[in-house]
PDB file of all heavy atoms in Angstrom:
ATOM      1  N   LEU A   1      90.817  18.450 133.348  1.00  0.00           N
ATOM      2  CA  LEU A   1      90.968  18.059 131.956  1.00  0.00           C
ATOM      3  C   LEU A   1      92.401  17.602 131.715  1.00  0.00           C
ATOM      4  O   LEU A   1      93.369  18.371 131.928  1.00  0.00           O
ATOM      5  CB  LEU A   1      90.613  19.197 131.045  1.00  0.00           C
ATOM      6  CG  LEU A   1      90.786  19.025 129.531  1.00  0.00           C
ATOM      7  CD1 LEU A   1      89.854  17.885 129.055  1.00  0.00           C
ATOM      8  CD2 LEU A   1      90.492  20.286 128.794  1.00  0.00           C
ATOM      9  N   ILE A   2      92.561  16.345 131.275  1.00  0.00           N
ATOM     10  CA  ILE A   2      93.889  15.788 131.064  1.00  0.00           C
ATOM     11  C   ILE A   2      94.028  15.461 129.571  1.00  0.00           C
ATOM     12  O   ILE A   2      93.234  14.694 129.024  1.00  0.00           O
ATOM     13  CB  ILE A   2      94.117  14.526 131.935  1.00  0.00           C
ATOM     14  CG1 ILE A   2      94.119  14.918 133.412  1.00  0.00           C
ATOM     15  CG2 ILE A   2      95.487  13.871 131.564  1.00  0.00           C
ATOM     16  CD1 ILE A   2      94.322  13.767 134.332  1.00  0.00           C
ATOM     17  N   ASP A   3      95.040  16.054 128.950  1.00  0.00           N
ATOM     18  CA  ASP A   3      95.381  15.782 127.578  1.00  0.00           C
ATOM     19  C   ASP A   3      96.377  14.584 127.576  1.00  0.00           C
ATOM     20  O   ASP A   3      97.514  14.730 128.084  1.00  0.00           O
ATOM     21  CB  ASP A   3      96.006  17.007 126.958  1.00  0.00           C
ATOM     22  CG  ASP A   3      96.454  16.838 125.534  1.00  0.00           C
ATOM     23  OD1 ASP A   3      96.287  15.726 124.958  1.00  0.00           O
ATOM     24  OD2 ASP A   3      96.943  17.845 124.953  1.00  0.00           O
ATOM     25  N   LEU A   4      95.948  13.480 127.096  1.00  0.00           N
ATOM     26  CA  LEU A   4      96.799  12.261 127.139  1.00  0.00           C
ATOM     27  C   LEU A   4      98.088  12.445 126.315  1.00  0.00           C
ATOM     28  O   LEU A   4      99.135  11.926 126.675  1.00  0.00           O
ATOM     29  CB  LEU A   4      96.062  11.048 126.611  1.00  0.00           C
ATOM     30  CG  LEU A   4      94.806  10.668 127.445  1.00  0.00           C
ATOM     31  CD1 LEU A   4      94.025   9.573 126.752  1.00  0.00           C
ATOM     32  CD2 LEU A   4      95.190  10.319 128.861  1.00  0.00           C
ATOM     33  N   ARG A   5      98.031  13.127 125.191  1.00  0.00           N
ATOM     34  CA  ARG A   5      99.102  13.438 124.279  1.00  0.00           C
ATOM     35  C   ARG A   5      99.734  12.243 123.633  1.00  0.00           C
ATOM     36  O   ARG A   5     100.078  12.243 122.471  1.00  0.00           O
ATOM     37  CB  ARG A   5     100.225  14.244 124.920  1.00  0.00           C
ATOM     38  CG  ARG A   5      99.704  15.624 125.417  1.00  0.00           C
ATOM     39  CD  ARG A   5     100.757  16.619 125.594  1.00  0.00           C
ATOM     40  NE  ARG A   5     101.648  16.325 126.691  1.00  0.00           N
ATOM     41  CZ  ARG A   5     102.430  17.255 127.203  1.00  0.00           C
ATOM     42  NH1 ARG A   5     102.464  18.441 126.750  1.00  0.00           N
ATOM     43  NH2 ARG A   5     103.246  16.917 128.224  1.00  0.00           N
ATOM     44  N   PHE A   6      99.872  11.115 124.312  1.00  0.00           N
ATOM     45  CA  PHE A   6     100.456   9.877 123.748  1.00  0.00           C
ATOM     46  C   PHE A   6      99.452   8.768 123.956  1.00  0.00           C
ATOM     47  O   PHE A   6      98.944   8.576 125.069  1.00  0.00           O
ATOM     48  CB  PHE A   6     101.778   9.539 124.382  1.00  0.00           C
ATOM     49  CG  PHE A   6     102.849  10.538 124.044  1.00  0.00           C
ATOM     50  CD1 PHE A   6     103.046  11.623 124.909  1.00  0.00           C
ATOM     51  CD2 PHE A   6     103.596  10.416 122.898  1.00  0.00           C
ATOM     52  CE1 PHE A   6     104.044  12.556 124.594  1.00  0.00           C
ATOM     53  CE2 PHE A   6     104.561  11.398 122.591  1.00  0.00           C
ATOM     54  CZ  PHE A   6     104.770  12.444 123.450  1.00  0.00           C
ATOM     55  N   LEU A   7      99.126   7.999 122.923  1.00  0.00           N
ATOM     56  CA  LEU A   7      98.088   6.977 123.023  1.00  0.00           C
ATOM     57  C   LEU A   7      98.590   5.548 123.007  1.00  0.00           C
ATOM     58  O   LEU A   7      97.841   4.652 123.278  1.00  0.00           O
ATOM     59  CB  LEU A   7      97.105   7.142 121.842  1.00  0.00           C
ATOM     60  CG  LEU A   7      96.406   8.478 121.767  1.00  0.00           C
ATOM     61  CD1 LEU A   7      95.448   8.533 120.587  1.00  0.00           C
ATOM     62  CD2 LEU A   7      95.686   8.776 123.077  1.00  0.00           C
ATOM     63  N   ASP A   8      99.909   5.351 122.679  1.00  0.00           N
ATOM     64  CA  ASP A   8     100.385   3.976 122.715  1.00  0.00           C
ATOM     65  C   ASP A   8     100.468   3.513 124.123  1.00  0.00           C
ATOM     66  O   ASP A   8     100.702   4.248 125.086  1.00  0.00           O
ATOM     67  CB  ASP A   8     101.719   3.835 121.996  1.00  0.00           C
ATOM     68  CG  ASP A   8     102.812   4.594 122.667  1.00  0.00           C
ATOM     69  OD1 ASP A   8     102.708   5.842 122.756  1.00  0.00           O
ATOM     70  OD2 ASP A   8     103.755   3.966 123.156  1.00  0.00           O
ATOM     71  N   ARG A   9     100.233   2.235 124.351  1.00  0.00           N
ATOM     72  CA  ARG A   9     100.144   1.662 125.693  1.00  0.00           C
ATOM     73  C   ARG A   9     101.430   1.873 126.510  1.00  0.00           C
ATOM     74  O   ARG A   9     101.378   2.036 127.717  1.00  0.00           O
ATOM     75  CB  ARG A   9      99.809   0.188 125.607  1.00  0.00           C
ATOM     76  CG  ARG A   9      98.450  -0.040 125.054  1.00  0.00           C
ATOM     77  CD  ARG A   9      98.150  -1.474 124.888  1.00  0.00           C
ATOM     78  NE  ARG A   9      96.822  -1.591 124.190  1.00  0.00           N
ATOM     79  CZ  ARG A   9      96.070  -2.636 124.303  1.00  0.00           C
ATOM     80  NH1 ARG A   9      96.446  -3.675 124.995  1.00  0.00           N
ATOM     81  NH2 ARG A   9      94.896  -2.659 123.678  1.00  0.00           N
ATOM     82  N   ALA A  10     102.577   1.898 125.812  1.00  0.00           N
ATOM     83  CA  ALA A  10     103.835   2.058 126.587  1.00  0.00           C
ATOM     84  C   ALA A  10     104.054   3.496 127.027  1.00  0.00           C
ATOM     85  O   ALA A  10     104.789   3.712 127.981  1.00  0.00           O
ATOM     86  CB  ALA A  10     104.967   1.615 125.704  1.00  0.00           C
ATOM     87  N   SER A  11     103.461   4.436 126.377  1.00  0.00           N
ATOM     88  CA  SER A  11     103.681   5.850 126.694  1.00  0.00           C
ATOM     89  C   SER A  11     102.596   6.562 127.481  1.00  0.00           C
ATOM     90  O   SER A  11     102.695   7.756 127.678  1.00  0.00           O
ATOM     91  CB  SER A  11     103.933   6.642 125.388  1.00  0.00           C
ATOM     92  OG  SER A  11     105.090   6.210 124.758  1.00  0.00           O
ATOM     93  N   LEU A  12     101.555   5.838 127.915  1.00  0.00           N
ATOM     94  CA  LEU A  12     100.528   6.505 128.733  1.00  0.00           C
ATOM     95  C   LEU A  12     101.136   6.880 130.070  1.00  0.00           C
ATOM     96  O   LEU A  12     101.872   6.119 130.706  1.00  0.00           O
ATOM     97  CB  LEU A  12      99.326   5.580 128.953  1.00  0.00           C
ATOM     98  CG  LEU A  12      98.390   5.528 127.758  1.00  0.00           C
ATOM     99  CD1 LEU A  12      97.295   4.456 128.019  1.00  0.00           C
ATOM    100  CD2 LEU A  12      97.738   6.836 127.535  1.00  0.00           C
ATOM    101  N   ASP A  13     100.793   8.059 130.529  1.00  0.00           N
ATOM    102  CA  ASP A  13     101.355   8.599 131.760  1.00  0.00           C
ATOM    103  C   ASP A  13     100.432   8.176 132.947  1.00  0.00           C
ATOM    104  O   ASP A  13      99.616   8.912 133.395  1.00  0.00           O
ATOM    105  CB  ASP A  13     101.379  10.153 131.662  1.00  0.00           C
ATOM    106  CG  ASP A  13     102.114  10.763 132.817  1.00  0.00           C
ATOM    107  OD1 ASP A  13     102.488  10.042 133.747  1.00  0.00           O
ATOM    108  OD2 ASP A  13     102.305  11.964 132.782  1.00  0.00           O
ATOM    109  N   TRP A  14     100.665   6.945 133.439  1.00  0.00           N
ATOM    110  CA  TRP A  14      99.835   6.425 134.504  1.00  0.00           C
ATOM    111  C   TRP A  14     100.202   7.037 135.853  1.00  0.00           C
ATOM    112  O   TRP A  14      99.430   7.031 136.768  1.00  0.00           O
ATOM    113  CB  TRP A  14      99.987   4.876 134.630  1.00  0.00           C
ATOM    114  CG  TRP A  14      99.440   4.182 133.475  1.00  0.00           C
ATOM    115  CD1 TRP A  14     100.136   3.454 132.545  1.00  0.00           C
ATOM    116  CD2 TRP A  14      98.052   4.046 133.123  1.00  0.00           C
ATOM    117  NE1 TRP A  14      99.268   2.946 131.608  1.00  0.00           N
ATOM    118  CE2 TRP A  14      97.996   3.259 131.971  1.00  0.00           C
ATOM    119  CE3 TRP A  14      96.843   4.522 133.623  1.00  0.00           C
ATOM    120  CZ2 TRP A  14      96.823   2.957 131.293  1.00  0.00           C
ATOM    121  CZ3 TRP A  14      95.697   4.182 132.995  1.00  0.00           C
ATOM    122  CH2 TRP A  14      95.650   3.421 131.864  1.00  0.00           C
ATOM    123  N   HIS A  15     101.381   7.580 135.991  1.00  0.00           N
ATOM    124  CA  HIS A  15     101.838   8.118 137.249  1.00  0.00           C
ATOM    125  C   HIS A  15     101.498   9.598 137.448  1.00  0.00           C
ATOM    126  O   HIS A  15     100.688   9.949 138.291  1.00  0.00           O
ATOM    127  CB  HIS A  15     103.336   7.869 137.430  1.00  0.00           C
ATOM    128  CG  HIS A  15     103.878   8.398 138.743  1.00  0.00           C
ATOM    129  ND1 HIS A  15     103.521   7.818 139.939  1.00  0.00           N
ATOM    130  CD2 HIS A  15     104.712   9.395 139.020  1.00  0.00           C
ATOM    131  CE1 HIS A  15     104.163   8.468 140.903  1.00  0.00           C
ATOM    132  NE2 HIS A  15     104.850   9.447 140.387  1.00  0.00           N
ATOM    133  N   ASN A  16     102.131  10.451 136.663  1.00  0.00           N
ATOM    134  CA  ASN A  16     101.974  11.882 136.901  1.00  0.00           C
ATOM    135  C   ASN A  16     100.657  12.482 136.396  1.00  0.00           C
ATOM    136  O   ASN A  16     100.029  13.243 137.068  1.00  0.00           O
ATOM    137  CB  ASN A  16     103.136  12.625 136.227  1.00  0.00           C
ATOM    138  CG  ASN A  16     104.455  12.312 136.918  1.00  0.00           C
ATOM    139  OD1 ASN A  16     104.537  12.198 138.102  1.00  0.00           O
ATOM    140  ND2 ASN A  16     105.519  12.162 136.138  1.00  0.00           N
ATOM    141  N   GLY A  17     100.289  12.135 135.171  1.00  0.00           N
ATOM    142  CA  GLY A  17      99.116  12.762 134.599  1.00  0.00           C
ATOM    143  C   GLY A  17      97.800  12.216 135.075  1.00  0.00           C
ATOM    144  O   GLY A  17      96.767  12.730 134.803  1.00  0.00           O
ATOM    145  N   TRP A  18      97.806  11.174 135.916  1.00  0.00           N
ATOM    146  CA  TRP A  18      96.602  10.503 136.279  1.00  0.00           C
ATOM    147  C   TRP A  18      96.267  10.740 137.773  1.00  0.00           C
ATOM    148  O   TRP A  18      95.380  10.078 138.285  1.00  0.00           O
ATOM    149  CB  TRP A  18      96.736   9.046 135.997  1.00  0.00           C
ATOM    150  CG  TRP A  18      96.954   8.820 134.550  1.00  0.00           C
ATOM    151  CD1 TRP A  18      98.099   9.113 133.848  1.00  0.00           C
ATOM    152  CD2 TRP A  18      96.035   8.372 133.578  1.00  0.00           C
ATOM    153  NE1 TRP A  18      97.956   8.837 132.562  1.00  0.00           N
ATOM    154  CE2 TRP A  18      96.703   8.367 132.331  1.00  0.00           C
ATOM    155  CE3 TRP A  18      94.709   7.973 133.650  1.00  0.00           C
ATOM    156  CZ2 TRP A  18      96.084   7.983 131.142  1.00  0.00           C
ATOM    157  CZ3 TRP A  18      94.099   7.533 132.459  1.00  0.00           C
ATOM    158  CH2 TRP A  18      94.755   7.564 131.267  1.00  0.00           C
ATOM    159  N   ARG A  19      96.897  11.642 138.402  1.00  0.00           N
ATOM    160  CA  ARG A  19      96.569  11.958 139.794  1.00  0.00           C
ATOM    161  C   ARG A  19      95.142  12.471 139.937  1.00  0.00           C
ATOM    162  O   ARG A  19      94.552  12.349 140.984  1.00  0.00           O
ATOM    163  CB  ARG A  19      97.549  12.976 140.343  1.00  0.00           C
ATOM    164  CG  ARG A  19      98.926  12.367 140.606  1.00  0.00           C
ATOM    165  CD  ARG A  19      99.854  13.407 141.110  1.00  0.00           C
ATOM    166  NE  ARG A  19     100.498  13.989 139.952  1.00  0.00           N
ATOM    167  CZ  ARG A  19     101.387  14.932 140.017  1.00  0.00           C
ATOM    168  NH1 ARG A  19     101.725  15.467 141.176  1.00  0.00           N
ATOM    169  NH2 ARG A  19     101.917  15.426 138.929  1.00  0.00           N
ATOM    170  N   GLY A  20      94.643  13.044 138.876  1.00  0.00           N
ATOM    171  CA  GLY A  20      93.246  13.552 138.911  1.00  0.00           C
ATOM    172  C   GLY A  20      92.222  12.479 139.155  1.00  0.00           C
ATOM    173  O   GLY A  20      91.176  12.730 139.779  1.00  0.00           O
ATOM    174  N   ILE A  21      92.509  11.270 138.687  1.00  0.00           N
ATOM    175  CA  ILE A  21      91.578  10.152 138.913  1.00  0.00           C
ATOM    176  C   ILE A  21      91.417   9.893 140.414  1.00  0.00           C
ATOM    177  O   ILE A  21      90.330   9.698 140.924  1.00  0.00           O
ATOM    178  CB  ILE A  21      92.034   8.869 138.156  1.00  0.00           C
ATOM    179  CG1 ILE A  21      91.982   9.092 136.668  1.00  0.00           C
ATOM    180  CG2 ILE A  21      91.169   7.676 138.573  1.00  0.00           C
ATOM    181  CD1 ILE A  21      92.612   8.015 135.815  1.00  0.00           C
ATOM    182  N   LYS A  22      92.525   9.849 141.081  1.00  0.00           N
ATOM    183  CA  LYS A  22      92.487   9.585 142.530  1.00  0.00           C
ATOM    184  C   LYS A  22      91.839  10.784 143.277  1.00  0.00           C
ATOM    185  O   LYS A  22      91.258  10.596 144.295  1.00  0.00           O
ATOM    186  CB  LYS A  22      93.879   9.318 143.052  1.00  0.00           C
ATOM    187  CG  LYS A  22      94.460   8.039 142.516  1.00  0.00           C
ATOM    188  CD  LYS A  22      95.876   7.800 143.045  1.00  0.00           C
ATOM    189  CE  LYS A  22      96.446   6.540 142.476  1.00  0.00           C
ATOM    190  NZ  LYS A  22      97.800   6.319 142.907  1.00  0.00           N
ATOM    191  N   LYS A  23      91.986  11.967 142.694  1.00  0.00           N
ATOM    192  CA  LYS A  23      91.435  13.190 143.347  1.00  0.00           C
ATOM    193  C   LYS A  23      89.919  13.269 143.179  1.00  0.00           C
ATOM    194  O   LYS A  23      89.172  13.469 144.121  1.00  0.00           O
ATOM    195  CB  LYS A  23      92.119  14.426 142.783  1.00  0.00           C
ATOM    196  CG  LYS A  23      91.606  15.704 143.401  1.00  0.00           C
ATOM    197  CD  LYS A  23      92.397  16.933 142.961  1.00  0.00           C
ATOM    198  CE  LYS A  23      92.253  17.250 141.503  1.00  0.00           C
ATOM    199  NZ  LYS A  23      92.885  18.505 141.115  1.00  0.00           N
ATOM    200  N   THR A  24      89.422  13.102 141.941  1.00  0.00           N
ATOM    201  CA  THR A  24      88.024  13.277 141.673  1.00  0.00           C
ATOM    202  C   THR A  24      87.169  11.997 141.843  1.00  0.00           C
ATOM    203  O   THR A  24      85.984  12.082 142.037  1.00  0.00           O
ATOM    204  CB  THR A  24      87.806  13.774 140.227  1.00  0.00           C
ATOM    205  OG1 THR A  24      88.187  12.773 139.268  1.00  0.00           O
ATOM    206  CG2 THR A  24      88.536  15.071 140.005  1.00  0.00           C
ATOM    207  N   LYS A  25      87.759  10.863 141.713  1.00  0.00           N
ATOM    208  CA  LYS A  25      87.125   9.529 141.830  1.00  0.00           C
ATOM    209  C   LYS A  25      86.084   9.277 140.742  1.00  0.00           C
ATOM    210  O   LYS A  25      85.295   8.372 140.849  1.00  0.00           O
ATOM    211  CB  LYS A  25      86.510   9.397 143.230  1.00  0.00           C
ATOM    212  CG  LYS A  25      87.579   9.515 144.319  1.00  0.00           C
ATOM    213  CD  LYS A  25      86.959   9.302 145.692  1.00  0.00           C
ATOM    214  CE  LYS A  25      87.849   9.437 146.836  1.00  0.00           C
ATOM    215  NZ  LYS A  25      89.240   9.427 146.705  1.00  0.00           N
ATOM    216  N   ARG A  26      86.117  10.071 139.692  1.00  0.00           N
ATOM    217  CA  ARG A  26      85.174   9.898 138.564  1.00  0.00           C
ATOM    218  C   ARG A  26      85.949  10.213 137.287  1.00  0.00           C
ATOM    219  O   ARG A  26      86.738  11.103 137.200  1.00  0.00           O
ATOM    220  CB  ARG A  26      84.019  10.871 138.661  1.00  0.00           C
ATOM    221  CG  ARG A  26      83.099  10.597 139.827  1.00  0.00           C
ATOM    222  CD  ARG A  26      82.036  11.728 139.931  1.00  0.00           C
ATOM    223  NE  ARG A  26      81.273  11.530 141.159  1.00  0.00           N
ATOM    224  CZ  ARG A  26      81.625  11.976 142.335  1.00  0.00           C
ATOM    225  NH1 ARG A  26      82.744  12.654 142.496  1.00  0.00           N
ATOM    226  NH2 ARG A  26      80.860  11.770 143.398  1.00  0.00           N
ATOM    227  N   VAL A  27      85.641   9.375 136.238  1.00  0.00           N
ATOM    228  CA  VAL A  27      86.359   9.498 134.958  1.00  0.00           C
ATOM    229  C   VAL A  27      85.356   9.552 133.815  1.00  0.00           C
ATOM    230  O   VAL A  27      84.450   8.757 133.702  1.00  0.00           O
ATOM    231  CB  VAL A  27      87.345   8.361 134.750  1.00  0.00           C
ATOM    232  CG1 VAL A  27      88.050   8.467 133.404  1.00  0.00           C
ATOM    233  CG2 VAL A  27      88.356   8.298 135.871  1.00  0.00           C
ATOM    234  N   LEU A  28      85.577  10.510 132.885  1.00  0.00           N
ATOM    235  CA  LEU A  28      84.883  10.609 131.658  1.00  0.00           C
ATOM    236  C   LEU A  28      85.888  10.610 130.530  1.00  0.00           C
ATOM    237  O   LEU A  28      86.846  11.391 130.603  1.00  0.00           O
ATOM    238  CB  LEU A  28      84.034  11.869 131.616  1.00  0.00           C
ATOM    239  CG  LEU A  28      83.326  12.222 130.300  1.00  0.00           C
ATOM    240  CD1 LEU A  28      82.199  11.178 130.046  1.00  0.00           C
ATOM    241  CD2 LEU A  28      82.780  13.601 130.352  1.00  0.00           C
ATOM    242  N   ILE A  29      85.725   9.747 129.524  1.00  0.00           N
ATOM    243  CA  ILE A  29      86.649   9.702 128.407  1.00  0.00           C
ATOM    244  C   ILE A  29      85.975  10.361 127.230  1.00  0.00           C
ATOM    245  O   ILE A  29      84.854   9.942 126.853  1.00  0.00           O
ATOM    246  CB  ILE A  29      87.028   8.249 128.108  1.00  0.00           C
ATOM    247  CG1 ILE A  29      87.789   7.648 129.290  1.00  0.00           C
ATOM    248  CG2 ILE A  29      87.900   8.190 126.824  1.00  0.00           C
ATOM    249  CD1 ILE A  29      88.043   6.192 129.242  1.00  0.00           C
ATOM    250  N   VAL A  30      86.633  11.335 126.619  1.00  0.00           N
ATOM    251  CA  VAL A  30      86.091  12.024 125.466  1.00  0.00           C
ATOM    252  C   VAL A  30      86.972  11.667 124.263  1.00  0.00           C
ATOM    253  O   VAL A  30      88.186  11.886 124.303  1.00  0.00           O
ATOM    254  CB  VAL A  30      86.064  13.570 125.686  1.00  0.00           C
ATOM    255  CG1 VAL A  30      85.582  14.251 124.426  1.00  0.00           C
ATOM    256  CG2 VAL A  30      85.261  13.909 126.874  1.00  0.00           C
ATOM    257  N   GLU A  31      86.365  11.073 123.253  1.00  0.00           N
ATOM    258  CA  GLU A  31      87.133  10.734 122.055  1.00  0.00           C
ATOM    259  C   GLU A  31      86.281  10.973 120.806  1.00  0.00           C
ATOM    260  O   GLU A  31      85.064  11.078 120.889  1.00  0.00           O
ATOM    261  CB  GLU A  31      87.586   9.261 122.100  1.00  0.00           C
ATOM    262  CG  GLU A  31      86.473   8.246 121.977  1.00  0.00           C
ATOM    263  CD  GLU A  31      86.980   6.859 121.832  1.00  0.00           C
ATOM    264  OE1 GLU A  31      88.074   6.679 121.325  1.00  0.00           O
ATOM    265  OE2 GLU A  31      86.277   5.942 122.235  1.00  0.00           O
ATOM    266  N   GLN A  32      86.949  11.072 119.693  1.00  0.00           N
ATOM    267  CA  GLN A  32      86.261  11.273 118.449  1.00  0.00           C
ATOM    268  C   GLN A  32      86.314   9.940 117.698  1.00  0.00           C
ATOM    269  O   GLN A  32      87.200   9.678 116.934  1.00  0.00           O
ATOM    270  CB  GLN A  32      86.974  12.347 117.640  1.00  0.00           C
ATOM    271  CG  GLN A  32      86.273  12.782 116.400  1.00  0.00           C
ATOM    272  CD  GLN A  32      87.001  13.899 115.694  1.00  0.00           C
ATOM    273  OE1 GLN A  32      88.152  14.162 115.947  1.00  0.00           O
ATOM    274  NE2 GLN A  32      86.295  14.578 114.827  1.00  0.00           N
ATOM    275  N   GLY A  33      85.378   9.096 117.955  1.00  0.00           N
ATOM    276  CA  GLY A  33      85.335   7.796 117.314  1.00  0.00           C
ATOM    277  C   GLY A  33      84.098   7.035 117.747  1.00  0.00           C
ATOM    278  O   GLY A  33      83.309   7.495 118.585  1.00  0.00           O
ATOM    279  N   ALA A  34      83.942   5.882 117.162  1.00  0.00           N
ATOM    280  CA  ALA A  34      82.787   5.065 117.474  1.00  0.00           C
ATOM    281  C   ALA A  34      82.986   4.330 118.805  1.00  0.00           C
ATOM    282  O   ALA A  34      84.081   3.993 119.210  1.00  0.00           O
ATOM    283  CB  ALA A  34      82.614   4.003 116.351  1.00  0.00           C
TER     284      ALA A  34
END
């Protein structure tokens, strides 16, 4: 479970917080919206 914390395109943590994507090879995005 990764808490993005920042949603603007310039502040997304593509390096440190996203190691899980390479580890699990599967992604589910949970959001409160349409």
